[in-house]
Amino acid sequence: MSAPIFLRRVVLRNYRSIGSCDVELGPLTYLVGANGSGKSNFLDALHLVGDALTGSLDNALNKRGGLSEVRRRSNGHPTHFGIRLEFFLNDGTLGHYAFEVGTRQGLGHEVQTEECAIGGVGKGPFFRIERGSLIRTSEPTFPAITSDRLALVSLSGLTAFRPVFDALTAMGFYNLNPKLMREMQNPQDGRLLKPVGENIASVIGHLERFAPEAMVVIQEYLQTVAPMVHGVERKKIGPMETLEFRQDMAGSKHPWRFLAQNMSDGTLRALGVLTALFQSNRDYAPSLIGVEEPETALHPAASAALREALVRASKKTQIIVTSHSPDLLDDQSLDASSLLAVVSEGGETMIGPLDLASRESMRDHLFSAGELLRMNQLVPDREILNAQSQKQVELFGRVAS
């Protein structure tokens, strides 16, 4: 069984600090760069797609400060931003979904072009919409659409496009917040962990009932990362819920029990990351998991266990990780193709595969990716970046085979 890949290629144009980006993704991809280089903006673009489809484009933009905060300015002038995602559906069918958003004559945002094709234009279901008008489609009937919303929301009611909608809305993105994780939580839907971990007690409870094998894996890795912790479970307290941990205490024959409010940031973040990675169950599985700096608040000695967990999780779910931790990347077996280097120059973020020198150093086991990062030698391939800058990145049109 080959490792899962949902998104095989991501093209971004004028999204926050990213002027132009065209990258391919594997089962496990590390976005590596210094703080402030723009790694988070890449994940946020993918997150915006999910937010716009599960809610509305207006809400997704407002969560990020509005259109003016999302689109990049060029030479002082606002620009349109665009996103293109090329994907594999569960049955292996290749397709793409793309849209471009700009201003509607000073009256807010407008979806200027939106396009989706499954199996290639003319070979399977497809549509193209421009400023709220249907240009062409494979479907005999088409729902009403408006230029301020993504049409795929309405088209999710059609059998042809439902798999695309389901896959794009099943992506999970995480920047865990221990403060919210340790608070008492209202019972919520526990099928998918929310972005900062605000429903983690419900997710743990859901896994206890429907995927006990996943809980075993989570608890094993948690004990490796935090050796004093012997287990965790959902704890109901009145109408609320929280987490209860079992932890060794000096002089005690049996582990003591502590609620989440008494646990360290590092332990809670580790649990959040592990839960995000292994939250799949028989009835529901994320199509992709993106995690912001999973090594934060962890002891460097835990990096090997975290790296192993990432690799193991990527056997079932595509994983994208942002990191600036040399310890996490200190592994001679790490494949250079799994890394994308992120740099910021003049306020613009550039993302690309590693340059030839870095790839050869890793291939010949001269240096690990972590050692190259410590030496500030983990950089994107300039030839690839220059080639992309010479031509306008195409958002629409057929998928490359």
Protein backbone atom coordinates (compact mmCIF):
# COMPACT_ATOMS: atom_id res chain seq x y z
CA MET A 1 0.00 0.00 0.00
CA SER A 2 1.46 3.34 -1.04
CA ALA A 3 1.56 6.25 1.39
CA PRO A 4 -1.46 8.58 1.10
CA ILE A 5 -1.24 11.83 -0.82
CA PHE A 6 -4.30 14.05 -1.01
CA LEU A 7 -2.72 17.33 -2.16
CA ARG A 8 0.03 16.64 -4.68
CA ARG A 9 0.60 20.26 -5.75
CA VAL A 10 -0.19 23.69 -4.30
CA VAL A 11 -0.04 26.94 -6.26
CA LEU A 12 -0.45 30.25 -4.44
CA ARG A 13 -0.43 33.77 -5.81
CA ASN A 14 -0.35 36.96 -3.75
CA TYR A 15 -1.45 35.33 -0.50
CA ARG A 16 -0.22 37.36 2.49
CA SER A 17 3.59 37.46 2.21
CA ILE A 18 3.68 34.84 -0.57
CA GLY A 19 3.94 36.50 -3.97
CA SER A 20 4.17 33.27 -5.94
CA CYS A 21 4.48 29.65 -4.88
CA ASP A 22 4.33 26.40 -6.83
CA VAL A 23 5.31 23.30 -4.85
CA GLU A 24 4.69 19.58 -4.81
CA LEU A 25 3.86 17.73 -1.60
CA GLY A 26 4.55 14.19 -0.45
CA PRO A 27 3.05 12.00 2.29
CA LEU A 28 5.13 13.95 4.87
CA THR A 29 6.37 17.44 4.08
CA TYR A 30 8.47 19.67 6.35
CA LEU A 31 8.25 23.42 5.73
CA VAL A 32 11.53 24.64 7.20
CA GLY A 33 12.58 28.23 7.77
CA ALA A 34 13.31 30.93 10.33
CA ASN A 35 10.63 32.57 12.44
CA GLY A 36 8.79 35.17 10.38
CA SER A 37 9.77 33.63 7.05
CA GLY A 38 6.14 32.89 6.12
CA LYS A 39 5.77 29.16 6.81
CA SER A 40 2.47 29.72 8.58
CA ASN A 41 1.06 31.67 5.62
CA PHE A 42 1.35 28.58 3.43
CA LEU A 43 -0.68 26.48 5.85
CA ASP A 44 -3.11 29.35 6.38
CA ALA A 45 -3.91 29.45 2.66
CA LEU A 46 -4.96 25.80 2.81
CA HIS A 47 -6.85 26.45 6.04
CA LEU A 48 -8.74 29.33 4.39
CA VAL A 49 -10.05 26.94 1.73
CA GLY A 50 -11.52 24.68 4.40
CA ASP A 51 -12.94 27.62 6.38
CA ALA A 52 -14.55 29.13 3.26
CA LEU A 53 -16.21 25.84 2.36
CA THR A 54 -17.45 24.86 5.83
CA GLY A 55 -18.67 28.38 6.61
CA SER A 56 -18.46 31.17 4.06
CA LEU A 57 -15.74 33.03 2.22
CA ASP A 58 -16.77 36.22 4.01
CA ASN A 59 -16.30 34.63 7.45
CA ALA A 60 -13.01 33.01 6.39
CA LEU A 61 -11.63 36.39 5.29
CA ASN A 62 -12.94 38.22 8.36
CA LYS A 63 -11.24 35.68 10.66
CA ARG A 64 -8.01 36.83 9.05
CA GLY A 65 -8.70 40.56 9.28
CA GLY A 66 -10.49 40.96 5.97
CA LEU A 67 -9.45 40.84 2.33
CA SER A 68 -6.91 43.65 2.77
CA GLU A 69 -4.98 41.54 5.31
CA VAL A 70 -5.01 38.41 3.15
CA ARG A 71 -4.02 39.63 -0.29
CA ARG A 72 -0.47 40.76 -0.83
CA ARG A 73 0.27 44.28 -2.01
CA SER A 74 2.58 44.75 -4.97
CA ASN A 75 4.33 48.11 -5.38
CA GLY A 76 1.91 49.53 -2.85
CA HIS A 77 -1.17 48.42 -4.77
CA PRO A 78 -3.56 45.66 -3.65
CA THR A 79 -3.69 42.54 -5.77
CA HIS A 80 -5.97 39.59 -6.32
CA PHE A 81 -5.04 36.41 -4.48
CA GLY A 82 -5.41 32.96 -5.93
CA ILE A 83 -5.17 29.36 -4.78
CA ARG A 84 -4.90 26.18 -6.85
CA LEU A 85 -4.95 22.73 -5.28
CA GLU A 86 -4.22 19.60 -7.30
CA PHE A 87 -5.42 16.48 -5.52
CA PHE A 88 -5.98 12.76 -5.57
CA LEU A 89 -9.40 11.55 -4.47
CA ASN A 90 -9.76 8.29 -2.52
CA ASP A 91 -10.24 6.29 -5.69
CA GLY A 92 -6.99 7.68 -7.15
CA THR A 93 -8.66 10.11 -9.53
CA LEU A 94 -6.61 13.25 -10.16
CA GLY A 95 -8.28 16.66 -10.15
CA HIS A 96 -7.86 20.30 -9.30
CA TYR A 97 -9.76 23.09 -7.59
CA ALA A 98 -8.78 26.73 -8.00
CA PHE A 99 -10.15 30.20 -7.36
CA GLU A 100 -9.08 33.83 -7.45
CA VAL A 101 -10.51 36.53 -5.20
CA GLY A 102 -10.37 40.31 -5.66
CA THR A 103 -12.33 43.48 -4.95
CA ARG A 104 -15.82 44.04 -6.31
CA GLN A 105 -15.84 47.76 -7.23
CA GLY A 106 -15.14 48.78 -3.67
CA LEU A 107 -18.07 46.73 -2.34
CA GLY A 108 -16.13 43.95 -0.71
CA HIS A 109 -14.67 40.79 -2.19
CA GLU A 110 -15.56 38.94 -5.36
CA VAL A 111 -14.72 35.45 -6.57
CA GLN A 112 -13.44 36.42 -10.00
CA THR A 113 -12.79 32.91 -11.26
CA GLU A 114 -13.52 29.49 -9.77
CA GLU A 115 -12.77 26.19 -11.44
CA CYS A 116 -12.90 22.50 -10.59
CA ALA A 117 -12.14 19.50 -12.76
CA ILE A 118 -12.06 15.83 -11.80
CA GLY A 119 -10.15 13.52 -14.11
CA GLY A 120 -9.39 16.40 -16.50
CA VAL A 121 -11.59 18.90 -18.34
CA GLY A 122 -13.75 17.01 -20.79
CA LYS A 123 -12.95 13.68 -19.13
CA GLY A 124 -15.00 14.01 -15.95
CA PRO A 125 -17.07 16.45 -13.90
CA PHE A 126 -15.95 20.08 -14.25
CA PHE A 127 -17.12 23.67 -13.99
CA ARG A 128 -15.73 27.15 -14.55
CA ILE A 129 -17.33 30.29 -13.14
CA GLU A 130 -16.36 33.91 -13.73
CA ARG A 131 -17.73 36.72 -11.53
CA GLY A 132 -20.82 34.76 -10.57
CA SER A 133 -21.62 33.59 -14.11
CA LEU A 134 -21.36 29.97 -15.20
CA ILE A 135 -19.04 29.72 -18.21
CA ARG A 136 -19.06 25.97 -18.77
CA THR A 137 -19.83 22.76 -16.93
CA SER A 138 -20.31 19.04 -17.42
CA GLU A 139 -23.51 19.01 -15.36
CA PRO A 140 -27.02 19.17 -16.88
CA THR A 141 -28.33 21.10 -13.87
CA PHE A 142 -26.49 23.72 -11.84
CA PRO A 143 -27.49 25.50 -8.60
CA ALA A 144 -27.79 29.26 -8.23
CA ILE A 145 -24.45 30.96 -7.55
CA THR A 146 -23.25 34.41 -6.47
CA SER A 147 -19.90 36.10 -6.91
CA ASP A 148 -19.28 36.63 -3.17
CA ARG A 149 -19.27 32.91 -2.31
CA LEU A 150 -17.43 29.82 -3.45
CA ALA A 151 -19.74 27.84 -5.72
CA LEU A 152 -18.35 24.52 -4.52
CA VAL A 153 -20.41 25.00 -1.33
CA SER A 154 -23.64 24.83 -3.35
CA LEU A 155 -22.23 22.14 -5.62
CA SER A 156 -21.57 19.88 -2.65
CA GLY A 157 -25.16 18.79 -3.11
CA LEU A 158 -24.28 17.24 -6.46
CA THR A 159 -22.92 13.70 -6.40
CA ALA A 160 -20.19 14.58 -8.90
CA PHE A 161 -18.50 17.22 -6.72
CA ARG A 162 -19.29 15.91 -3.24
CA PRO A 163 -16.00 13.95 -2.92
CA VAL A 164 -13.99 17.13 -3.60
CA PHE A 165 -15.98 19.12 -1.04
CA ASP A 166 -15.68 16.36 1.58
CA ALA A 167 -11.92 15.99 1.10
CA LEU A 168 -11.21 19.73 1.22
CA THR A 169 -13.31 20.21 4.35
CA ALA A 170 -11.67 17.21 6.06
CA MET A 171 -8.27 18.93 6.25
CA GLY A 172 -7.17 19.75 9.81
CA PHE A 173 -4.71 22.52 10.78
CA TYR A 174 -3.22 22.89 14.24
CA ASN A 175 -1.43 25.44 16.37
CA LEU A 176 -2.19 23.97 19.80
CA ASN A 177 -2.96 26.27 22.74
CA PRO A 178 -2.27 24.60 26.14
CA LYS A 179 -4.22 27.31 27.97
CA LEU A 180 -7.46 26.38 26.18
CA MET A 181 -6.68 22.66 26.35
CA ARG A 182 -6.44 22.71 30.15
CA GLU A 183 -9.72 24.57 30.68
CA MET A 184 -13.03 22.80 31.31
CA GLN A 185 -14.69 22.18 27.95
CA ASN A 186 -18.27 21.84 26.77
CA PRO A 187 -18.95 18.46 25.16
CA GLN A 188 -18.53 18.86 21.39
CA ASP A 189 -18.25 16.88 18.18
CA GLY A 190 -15.18 14.73 18.71
CA ARG A 191 -14.60 13.42 15.19
CA LEU A 192 -12.06 16.08 14.25
CA LEU A 193 -9.77 18.00 16.59
CA LYS A 194 -10.29 21.76 16.34
CA PRO A 195 -7.37 24.07 15.43
CA VAL A 196 -6.13 25.03 18.91
CA GLY A 197 -7.31 21.88 20.73
CA GLU A 198 -10.42 23.43 22.29
CA ASN A 199 -12.38 20.16 21.94
CA ILE A 200 -9.61 17.71 22.80
CA ALA A 201 -11.54 16.09 25.66
CA SER A 202 -14.36 15.21 23.24
CA VAL A 203 -11.87 13.88 20.68
CA ILE A 204 -10.17 11.67 23.28
CA GLY A 205 -13.58 10.40 24.37
CA HIS A 206 -14.53 9.70 20.75
CA LEU A 207 -11.29 7.76 20.18
CA GLU A 208 -11.82 5.80 23.42
CA ARG A 209 -15.18 4.61 22.09
CA PHE A 210 -14.54 4.19 18.37
CA ALA A 211 -10.76 3.84 17.88
CA PRO A 212 -9.18 2.34 21.01
CA GLU A 213 -6.23 1.20 18.91
CA ALA A 214 -5.47 4.86 18.13
CA MET A 215 -5.56 5.68 21.85
CA VAL A 216 -2.99 2.94 22.49
CA VAL A 217 -0.64 4.55 19.95
CA ILE A 218 -1.22 8.06 21.37
CA GLN A 219 -0.54 6.90 24.93
CA GLU A 220 2.60 4.99 23.92
CA TYR A 221 4.13 8.04 22.24
CA LEU A 222 2.99 10.33 25.03
CA GLN A 223 4.84 8.22 27.58
CA THR A 224 7.95 8.29 25.38
CA VAL A 225 7.80 12.08 25.15
CA ALA A 226 6.76 12.59 28.79
CA PRO A 227 8.00 9.45 30.67
CA MET A 228 6.22 10.34 33.92
CA VAL A 229 2.81 10.22 32.22
CA HIS A 230 1.22 6.76 32.17
CA GLY A 231 -2.04 7.54 30.44
CA VAL A 232 -4.83 10.00 29.74
CA GLU A 233 -8.61 9.73 29.46
CA ARG A 234 -11.67 11.89 29.12
CA LYS A 235 -13.12 12.95 32.47
CA LYS A 236 -16.72 14.14 32.81
CA ILE A 237 -17.34 16.72 35.56
CA GLY A 238 -20.96 17.78 35.75
CA PRO A 239 -22.06 19.22 32.39
CA MET A 240 -18.42 19.86 31.43
CA GLU A 241 -15.48 17.64 30.53
CA THR A 242 -11.71 17.68 30.75
CA LEU A 243 -8.74 15.33 30.59
CA GLU A 244 -7.37 13.24 33.43
CA PHE A 245 -3.73 12.11 33.40
CA ARG A 246 -2.05 9.30 35.32
CA GLN A 247 1.43 10.30 36.43
CA ASP A 248 4.20 8.79 38.56
CA MET A 249 4.83 10.43 41.92
CA ALA A 250 7.92 9.77 44.06
CA GLY A 251 7.14 7.47 47.00
CA SER A 252 3.78 6.36 45.62
CA LYS A 253 3.15 2.76 44.58
CA HIS A 254 0.52 3.69 42.01
CA PRO A 255 0.33 6.64 39.57
CA TRP A 256 -1.53 9.71 40.82
CA ARG A 257 -4.33 11.27 38.80
CA PHE A 258 -4.19 14.90 37.69
CA LEU A 259 -6.66 16.99 35.71
CA ALA A 260 -5.49 18.89 32.64
CA GLN A 261 -5.37 22.16 34.60
CA ASN A 262 -2.39 20.79 36.54
CA MET A 263 -0.35 19.62 33.56
CA SER A 264 2.56 21.42 31.88
CA ASP A 265 2.36 23.19 28.53
CA GLY A 266 4.78 20.68 27.04
CA THR A 267 2.70 17.65 28.03
CA LEU A 268 -0.53 19.20 26.76
CA ARG A 269 1.02 20.30 23.47
CA ALA A 270 2.53 16.84 22.98
CA LEU A 271 -0.86 15.23 23.58
CA GLY A 272 -2.48 17.70 21.18
CA VAL A 273 0.01 16.98 18.42
CA LEU A 274 -0.29 13.21 18.87
CA THR A 275 -4.09 13.41 18.92
CA ALA A 276 -4.04 15.46 15.72
CA LEU A 277 -1.77 12.92 14.03
CA PHE A 278 -3.63 9.74 15.03
CA GLN A 279 -7.27 10.90 15.27
CA SER A 280 -8.53 8.75 12.38
CA ASN A 281 -11.21 6.18 13.16
CA ARG A 282 -13.35 3.70 11.23
CA ASP A 283 -15.96 6.27 10.23
CA TYR A 284 -13.92 9.44 9.75
CA ALA A 285 -10.36 10.28 8.72
CA PRO A 286 -8.78 13.65 7.91
CA SER A 287 -7.58 14.03 4.33
CA LEU A 288 -4.57 16.09 5.45
CA ILE A 289 -3.08 17.26 8.75
CA GLY A 290 -1.05 20.47 9.06
CA VAL A 291 0.78 21.14 12.35
CA GLU A 292 2.55 24.35 13.34
CA GLU A 293 5.91 23.76 15.03
CA PRO A 294 5.05 20.50 16.85
CA GLU A 295 8.35 20.63 18.75
CA THR A 296 7.36 23.77 20.72
CA ALA A 297 7.69 23.34 24.51
CA LEU A 298 9.14 19.84 24.11
CA HIS A 299 12.53 18.80 25.44
CA PRO A 300 15.02 18.26 22.56
CA ALA A 301 15.39 14.63 23.69
CA ALA A 302 11.76 14.05 22.64
CA SER A 303 12.48 15.02 19.02
CA ALA A 304 13.27 11.48 17.86
CA ALA A 305 9.97 10.15 19.23
CA LEU A 306 8.06 13.04 17.67
CA ARG A 307 9.76 12.47 14.32
CA GLU A 308 8.90 8.77 14.48
CA ALA A 309 5.27 9.65 15.24
CA LEU A 310 5.13 11.99 12.23
CA VAL A 311 6.48 9.27 9.93
CA ARG A 312 4.08 6.68 11.33
CA ALA A 313 1.08 8.97 11.00
CA SER A 314 2.03 9.83 7.40
CA LYS A 315 1.49 6.17 6.44
CA LYS A 316 -2.25 6.79 6.77
CA THR A 317 -2.76 10.56 6.45
CA GLN A 318 -0.83 13.20 4.52
CA ILE A 319 1.10 15.43 6.95
CA ILE A 320 2.53 18.95 6.58
CA VAL A 321 4.69 20.31 9.40
CA THR A 322 6.25 23.75 9.89
CA SER A 323 9.47 23.80 11.88
CA HIS A 324 12.66 25.70 12.63
CA SER A 325 14.01 23.01 14.94
CA PRO A 326 17.37 21.43 14.03
CA ASP A 327 16.69 18.70 16.63
CA LEU A 328 13.51 17.57 14.84
CA LEU A 329 15.41 17.35 11.53
CA ASP A 330 18.52 15.64 12.97
CA ASP A 331 18.02 12.35 11.16
CA GLN A 332 20.35 11.00 8.48
CA SER A 333 17.51 8.94 7.01
CA LEU A 334 15.38 12.03 6.29
CA ASP A 335 14.79 12.34 2.55
CA ALA A 336 15.64 15.74 1.06
CA SER A 337 12.51 15.52 -1.11
CA SER A 338 10.35 15.73 2.03
CA LEU A 339 11.66 19.22 2.85
CA LEU A 340 10.62 22.59 1.46
CA ALA A 341 12.84 25.53 2.41
CA VAL A 342 11.14 28.82 3.26
CA VAL A 343 12.95 32.17 3.16
CA SER A 344 11.85 35.79 3.31
CA GLU A 345 13.57 38.44 1.22
CA GLY A 346 12.36 42.02 1.10
CA GLY A 347 9.20 41.01 2.90
CA GLU A 348 8.31 38.36 0.30
CA THR A 349 8.15 34.68 1.16
CA MET A 350 9.70 32.17 -1.23
CA ILE A 351 9.19 28.43 -0.93
CA GLY A 352 10.94 25.73 -2.86
CA PRO A 353 12.74 22.38 -2.75
CA LEU A 354 16.26 22.30 -1.31
CA ASP A 355 19.14 23.46 -3.48
CA LEU A 356 21.47 20.96 -5.14
CA ALA A 357 24.25 21.32 -2.55
CA SER A 358 21.86 20.56 0.33
CA ARG A 359 20.33 17.60 -1.49
CA GLU A 360 23.75 16.12 -2.27
CA SER A 361 24.97 16.64 1.31
CA MET A 362 21.96 14.77 2.65
CA ARG A 363 22.10 12.06 -0.02
CA ASP A 364 25.77 11.36 0.72
CA HIS A 365 25.13 11.51 4.50
CA LEU A 366 27.63 14.32 4.93
CA PHE A 367 25.17 16.37 6.94
CA SER A 368 21.67 15.86 8.26
CA ALA A 369 18.96 18.42 7.54
CA GLY A 370 19.25 19.54 11.17
CA GLU A 371 22.99 20.17 10.81
CA LEU A 372 22.44 22.13 7.61
CA LEU A 373 19.79 24.20 9.38
CA ARG A 374 22.18 24.97 12.24
CA MET A 375 24.71 26.20 9.67
CA ASN A 376 22.02 28.26 7.91
CA GLN A 377 22.60 26.20 4.77
CA LEU A 378 19.09 24.83 4.29
CA VAL A 379 17.92 27.04 1.42
CA PRO A 380 15.60 26.71 -1.58
CA ASP A 381 16.88 25.98 -5.07
CA ARG A 382 17.41 29.38 -6.72
CA GLU A 383 17.19 27.99 -10.24
CA ILE A 384 13.70 26.65 -9.57
CA LEU A 385 12.59 29.89 -7.90
CA ASN A 386 14.03 31.99 -10.74
CA ALA A 387 12.33 29.83 -13.35
CA GLN A 388 8.99 30.29 -11.58
CA SER A 389 9.49 34.06 -11.32
CA GLN A 390 10.08 34.31 -15.07
CA LYS A 391 6.54 33.17 -15.84
CA GLN A 392 3.16 33.91 -14.35
CA VAL A 393 2.04 31.03 -12.16
CA GLU A 394 -1.05 29.52 -13.77
CA LEU A 395 -4.01 28.95 -11.48
CA PHE A 396 -6.45 27.61 -14.05
CA GLY A 397 -6.37 25.05 -16.80
CA ARG A 398 -5.60 21.38 -17.09
CA VAL A 399 -3.65 19.36 -14.54
CA ALA A 400 -0.19 18.22 -15.54
CA SER A 401 -0.10 14.44 -15.86
